[in-house]
């Protein structure tokens, strides 16, 4: 588990608890469809056991290499935004 940063550009290994975007907007819960509807409605997209466990944490269910971990925001005018998570250097995946 790498809660403090990401090891890859995808950041799919990220298990941290960040709930704000790069600009400071609060993340929408993944198990909610308001204010933004989305297709990531079950835990198969996430490392957590249930969609409720994902809460509103920054994740990368779309495998977007350009943004890394991201989230839908609670701001009705901003659908999604990347999260500012540092990339850890010098650590190898096993």
N, C-alpha and C. Protein backbone atom coordinates (compact mmCIF):
# COMPACT_ATOMS: atom_id res chain seq x y z
N UNK A 1 0.85 -1.18 0.00
CA UNK A 1 0.00 0.00 0.00
C UNK A 1 0.89 1.24 0.00
N UNK A 2 0.57 2.19 -0.86
CA UNK A 2 1.34 3.42 -0.97
C UNK A 2 0.39 4.60 -0.77
N UNK A 3 0.18 4.98 0.47
CA UNK A 3 -0.79 6.00 0.80
C UNK A 3 -0.25 7.42 0.61
N UNK A 4 1.07 7.59 0.64
CA UNK A 4 1.63 8.93 0.62
C UNK A 4 1.97 9.44 -0.76
N UNK A 5 1.92 8.61 -1.76
CA UNK A 5 2.26 9.05 -3.10
C UNK A 5 2.00 7.95 -4.11
N UNK A 6 2.29 8.28 -5.37
CA UNK A 6 2.11 7.30 -6.44
C UNK A 6 3.47 6.83 -6.93
N UNK A 7 3.51 5.62 -7.44
CA UNK A 7 4.75 5.04 -7.95
C UNK A 7 4.80 5.08 -9.47
N UNK A 8 3.64 5.12 -10.11
CA UNK A 8 3.55 5.10 -11.56
C UNK A 8 2.74 6.31 -12.03
N UNK A 9 2.84 6.63 -13.32
CA UNK A 9 2.05 7.74 -13.85
C UNK A 9 0.55 7.48 -13.72
N UNK A 10 0.15 6.23 -13.85
CA UNK A 10 -1.27 5.90 -13.69
C UNK A 10 -1.74 6.11 -12.26
N UNK A 11 -0.90 5.78 -11.31
CA UNK A 11 -1.27 5.94 -9.90
C UNK A 11 -2.33 4.98 -9.42
N UNK A 12 -2.50 3.86 -10.12
CA UNK A 12 -3.54 2.90 -9.72
C UNK A 12 -3.21 2.22 -8.39
N UNK A 13 -1.95 2.28 -7.97
CA UNK A 13 -1.56 1.69 -6.69
C UNK A 13 -1.87 2.60 -5.51
N UNK A 14 -2.29 3.83 -5.77
CA UNK A 14 -2.56 4.81 -4.71
C UNK A 14 -3.73 4.37 -3.84
N UNK A 15 -3.51 4.33 -2.53
CA UNK A 15 -4.55 3.92 -1.57
C UNK A 15 -4.73 4.98 -0.49
N UNK A 16 -4.32 6.20 -0.81
CA UNK A 16 -4.38 7.27 0.18
C UNK A 16 -5.78 7.80 0.41
N UNK A 17 -5.85 8.80 1.23
CA UNK A 17 -7.14 9.32 1.69
C UNK A 17 -7.40 10.76 1.25
N UNK A 18 -6.75 11.19 0.18
CA UNK A 18 -6.96 12.55 -0.30
C UNK A 18 -8.38 12.69 -0.85
N UNK A 19 -9.09 13.75 -0.44
CA UNK A 19 -10.47 13.97 -0.86
C UNK A 19 -10.67 15.36 -1.47
N UNK A 20 -9.55 15.97 -1.89
CA UNK A 20 -9.63 17.26 -2.55
C UNK A 20 -8.81 17.22 -3.84
N UNK A 21 -9.23 18.02 -4.79
CA UNK A 21 -8.55 18.09 -6.08
C UNK A 21 -7.37 19.04 -6.02
N UNK A 22 -6.68 19.12 -7.13
CA UNK A 22 -5.50 19.99 -7.25
C UNK A 22 -5.83 21.44 -6.87
N UNK A 23 -7.04 21.90 -7.22
CA UNK A 23 -7.41 23.28 -6.91
C UNK A 23 -8.15 23.42 -5.57
N UNK A 24 -8.30 22.30 -4.85
CA UNK A 24 -8.91 22.36 -3.53
C UNK A 24 -10.40 22.06 -3.48
N UNK A 25 -10.98 21.62 -4.60
CA UNK A 25 -12.40 21.26 -4.59
C UNK A 25 -12.59 19.92 -3.88
N UNK A 26 -13.70 19.78 -3.18
CA UNK A 26 -14.02 18.52 -2.52
C UNK A 26 -14.46 17.47 -3.54
N UNK A 27 -14.03 16.24 -3.33
CA UNK A 27 -14.41 15.14 -4.22
C UNK A 27 -15.80 14.62 -3.91
N UNK A 28 -16.50 14.24 -4.96
CA UNK A 28 -17.80 13.59 -4.85
C UNK A 28 -17.58 12.14 -4.46
N UNK A 29 -18.45 11.57 -3.65
CA UNK A 29 -18.36 10.15 -3.33
C UNK A 29 -18.57 9.33 -4.59
N UNK A 30 -17.80 8.26 -4.72
CA UNK A 30 -17.91 7.40 -5.89
C UNK A 30 -19.22 6.62 -5.92
N UNK A 31 -19.85 6.43 -4.77
CA UNK A 31 -21.13 5.71 -4.74
C UNK A 31 -22.33 6.65 -4.92
N UNK A 32 -22.08 7.89 -5.29
CA UNK A 32 -23.14 8.87 -5.53
C UNK A 32 -23.14 9.27 -7.01
N UNK A 33 -24.28 9.71 -7.49
CA UNK A 33 -24.41 10.17 -8.88
C UNK A 33 -24.79 11.65 -8.94
N UNK A 34 -24.54 12.36 -7.87
CA UNK A 34 -24.90 13.78 -7.80
C UNK A 34 -23.77 14.54 -7.12
N UNK A 35 -23.28 15.60 -7.70
CA UNK A 35 -23.88 16.34 -8.81
C UNK A 35 -23.50 15.81 -10.20
N UNK A 36 -22.58 14.83 -10.28
CA UNK A 36 -22.16 14.33 -11.59
C UNK A 36 -22.42 12.84 -11.73
N UNK A 37 -23.07 12.46 -12.82
CA UNK A 37 -23.27 11.04 -13.09
C UNK A 37 -22.00 10.47 -13.71
N UNK A 38 -21.73 9.20 -13.42
CA UNK A 38 -20.51 8.56 -13.92
C UNK A 38 -20.71 7.05 -14.00
N UNK A 39 -19.83 6.36 -14.75
CA UNK A 39 -19.98 4.92 -14.94
C UNK A 39 -19.27 4.06 -13.89
N UNK A 40 -18.53 4.66 -12.97
CA UNK A 40 -17.72 3.90 -12.02
C UNK A 40 -18.53 3.55 -10.78
N UNK A 41 -19.47 2.63 -10.96
CA UNK A 41 -20.47 2.38 -9.92
C UNK A 41 -20.23 1.11 -9.10
N UNK A 42 -19.16 0.38 -9.37
CA UNK A 42 -18.91 -0.81 -8.55
C UNK A 42 -17.42 -0.92 -8.24
N UNK A 43 -17.10 -1.77 -7.30
CA UNK A 43 -15.73 -1.84 -6.79
C UNK A 43 -14.73 -2.46 -7.77
N UNK A 44 -15.18 -3.00 -8.89
CA UNK A 44 -14.24 -3.60 -9.84
C UNK A 44 -13.29 -2.55 -10.43
N UNK A 45 -13.63 -1.29 -10.35
CA UNK A 45 -12.79 -0.21 -10.86
C UNK A 45 -11.75 0.25 -9.83
N UNK A 46 -11.86 -0.22 -8.60
CA UNK A 46 -11.08 0.31 -7.49
C UNK A 46 -10.39 -0.80 -6.71
N UNK A 47 -9.36 -0.44 -5.94
CA UNK A 47 -8.68 -1.45 -5.12
C UNK A 47 -9.45 -1.84 -3.86
N UNK A 48 -10.42 -1.04 -3.47
CA UNK A 48 -11.19 -1.32 -2.26
C UNK A 48 -12.17 -2.47 -2.47
N UNK A 49 -12.63 -3.06 -1.36
CA UNK A 49 -13.55 -4.20 -1.42
C UNK A 49 -14.95 -3.82 -1.87
N UNK A 50 -15.43 -2.65 -1.46
CA UNK A 50 -16.76 -2.22 -1.85
C UNK A 50 -16.71 -0.78 -2.34
N UNK A 51 -17.71 -0.39 -3.11
CA UNK A 51 -17.76 0.98 -3.62
C UNK A 51 -17.92 1.97 -2.47
N UNK A 52 -18.55 1.57 -1.39
CA UNK A 52 -18.68 2.46 -0.23
C UNK A 52 -17.32 2.70 0.43
N UNK A 53 -16.42 1.71 0.37
CA UNK A 53 -15.09 1.87 0.95
C UNK A 53 -14.25 2.88 0.19
N UNK A 54 -14.55 3.08 -1.09
CA UNK A 54 -13.80 4.04 -1.89
C UNK A 54 -14.09 5.46 -1.40
N UNK A 55 -15.27 5.65 -0.83
CA UNK A 55 -15.70 6.95 -0.30
C UNK A 55 -15.53 8.02 -1.37
N UNK A 56 -14.85 9.10 -1.05
CA UNK A 56 -14.61 10.18 -2.02
C UNK A 56 -13.12 10.36 -2.25
N UNK A 57 -12.36 9.29 -2.11
CA UNK A 57 -10.91 9.36 -2.26
C UNK A 57 -10.50 9.50 -3.73
N UNK A 58 -9.41 10.19 -3.95
CA UNK A 58 -8.85 10.31 -5.29
C UNK A 58 -8.39 8.93 -5.76
N UNK A 59 -8.82 8.54 -6.93
CA UNK A 59 -8.45 7.27 -7.54
C UNK A 59 -8.33 7.47 -9.04
N UNK A 60 -7.97 6.42 -9.77
CA UNK A 60 -7.87 6.51 -11.22
C UNK A 60 -8.58 5.33 -11.88
N UNK A 61 -9.90 5.26 -11.76
CA UNK A 61 -10.63 4.13 -12.34
C UNK A 61 -10.61 4.11 -13.86
N UNK A 62 -10.35 5.25 -14.50
CA UNK A 62 -10.34 5.34 -15.96
C UNK A 62 -8.96 5.03 -16.54
N UNK A 63 -7.98 4.78 -15.67
CA UNK A 63 -6.60 4.50 -16.09
C UNK A 63 -6.04 5.63 -16.95
N UNK A 64 -6.36 6.85 -16.58
CA UNK A 64 -5.93 8.04 -17.30
C UNK A 64 -4.48 8.36 -16.94
N UNK A 65 -3.57 8.16 -17.88
CA UNK A 65 -2.14 8.36 -17.63
C UNK A 65 -1.79 9.84 -17.50
N UNK A 66 -2.58 10.72 -18.12
CA UNK A 66 -2.27 12.15 -18.07
C UNK A 66 -2.61 12.78 -16.73
N UNK A 67 -3.64 12.28 -16.06
CA UNK A 67 -4.03 12.92 -14.80
C UNK A 67 -3.62 12.12 -13.58
N UNK A 68 -3.42 10.82 -13.72
CA UNK A 68 -3.18 10.00 -12.53
C UNK A 68 -4.45 10.00 -11.68
N UNK A 69 -4.34 9.86 -10.36
CA UNK A 69 -5.53 9.87 -9.51
C UNK A 69 -6.32 11.18 -9.67
N UNK A 70 -7.62 11.05 -9.69
CA UNK A 70 -8.53 12.16 -9.90
C UNK A 70 -9.84 11.85 -9.21
N UNK A 71 -10.79 12.78 -9.28
CA UNK A 71 -12.13 12.51 -8.76
C UNK A 71 -13.14 13.44 -9.43
N UNK A 72 -14.40 13.05 -9.34
CA UNK A 72 -15.49 13.95 -9.69
C UNK A 72 -15.61 14.91 -8.52
N UNK A 73 -15.97 16.15 -8.80
CA UNK A 73 -16.02 17.13 -7.72
C UNK A 73 -17.45 17.35 -7.22
N UNK A 74 -17.54 17.94 -6.07
CA UNK A 74 -18.85 18.30 -5.52
C UNK A 74 -19.36 19.62 -6.09
N UNK A 75 -18.55 20.26 -6.90
CA UNK A 75 -18.92 21.51 -7.56
C UNK A 75 -19.68 21.17 -8.84
N UNK A 76 -20.92 21.59 -8.94
CA UNK A 76 -21.74 21.28 -10.11
C UNK A 76 -21.17 21.86 -11.41
N UNK A 77 -20.30 22.86 -11.31
CA UNK A 77 -19.73 23.50 -12.49
C UNK A 77 -18.39 22.90 -12.94
N UNK A 78 -17.81 22.01 -12.13
CA UNK A 78 -16.53 21.37 -12.46
C UNK A 78 -16.72 19.87 -12.30
N UNK A 79 -16.80 19.16 -13.42
CA UNK A 79 -17.12 17.74 -13.37
C UNK A 79 -16.04 16.90 -12.69
N UNK A 80 -14.80 16.99 -13.18
CA UNK A 80 -13.72 16.20 -12.60
C UNK A 80 -12.42 16.97 -12.66
N UNK A 81 -11.51 16.58 -11.77
CA UNK A 81 -10.23 17.25 -11.72
C UNK A 81 -9.21 16.30 -11.13
N UNK A 82 -7.97 16.44 -11.54
CA UNK A 82 -6.91 15.60 -10.99
C UNK A 82 -6.58 16.03 -9.57
N UNK A 83 -5.94 15.13 -8.85
CA UNK A 83 -5.54 15.39 -7.47
C UNK A 83 -4.03 15.58 -7.44
N UNK A 84 -3.58 16.41 -6.59
CA UNK A 84 -2.15 16.69 -6.48
C UNK A 84 -1.52 15.68 -5.52
N UNK A 85 -0.97 14.63 -6.11
CA UNK A 85 -0.35 13.56 -5.32
C UNK A 85 1.07 13.38 -5.84
N UNK A 86 2.02 13.41 -4.94
CA UNK A 86 3.42 13.34 -5.36
C UNK A 86 3.77 11.97 -5.91
N UNK A 87 4.72 11.97 -6.83
CA UNK A 87 5.24 10.71 -7.36
C UNK A 87 6.48 10.35 -6.56
N UNK A 88 6.47 9.18 -5.97
CA UNK A 88 7.59 8.70 -5.18
C UNK A 88 8.66 8.18 -6.11
N UNK A 89 9.86 8.58 -5.93
CA UNK A 89 10.98 8.17 -6.78
C UNK A 89 11.83 7.14 -6.04
N UNK A 90 12.45 6.26 -6.79
CA UNK A 90 13.40 5.32 -6.21
C UNK A 90 12.79 4.13 -5.52
N UNK A 91 11.47 3.93 -5.66
CA UNK A 91 10.81 2.77 -5.07
C UNK A 91 10.37 1.88 -6.22
N UNK A 92 10.66 0.60 -6.13
CA UNK A 92 10.30 -0.33 -7.19
C UNK A 92 9.09 -1.16 -6.79
N UNK A 93 8.21 -1.39 -7.76
CA UNK A 93 7.08 -2.28 -7.53
C UNK A 93 7.58 -3.72 -7.54
N UNK A 94 7.06 -4.53 -6.67
CA UNK A 94 7.45 -5.94 -6.62
C UNK A 94 6.61 -6.76 -7.56
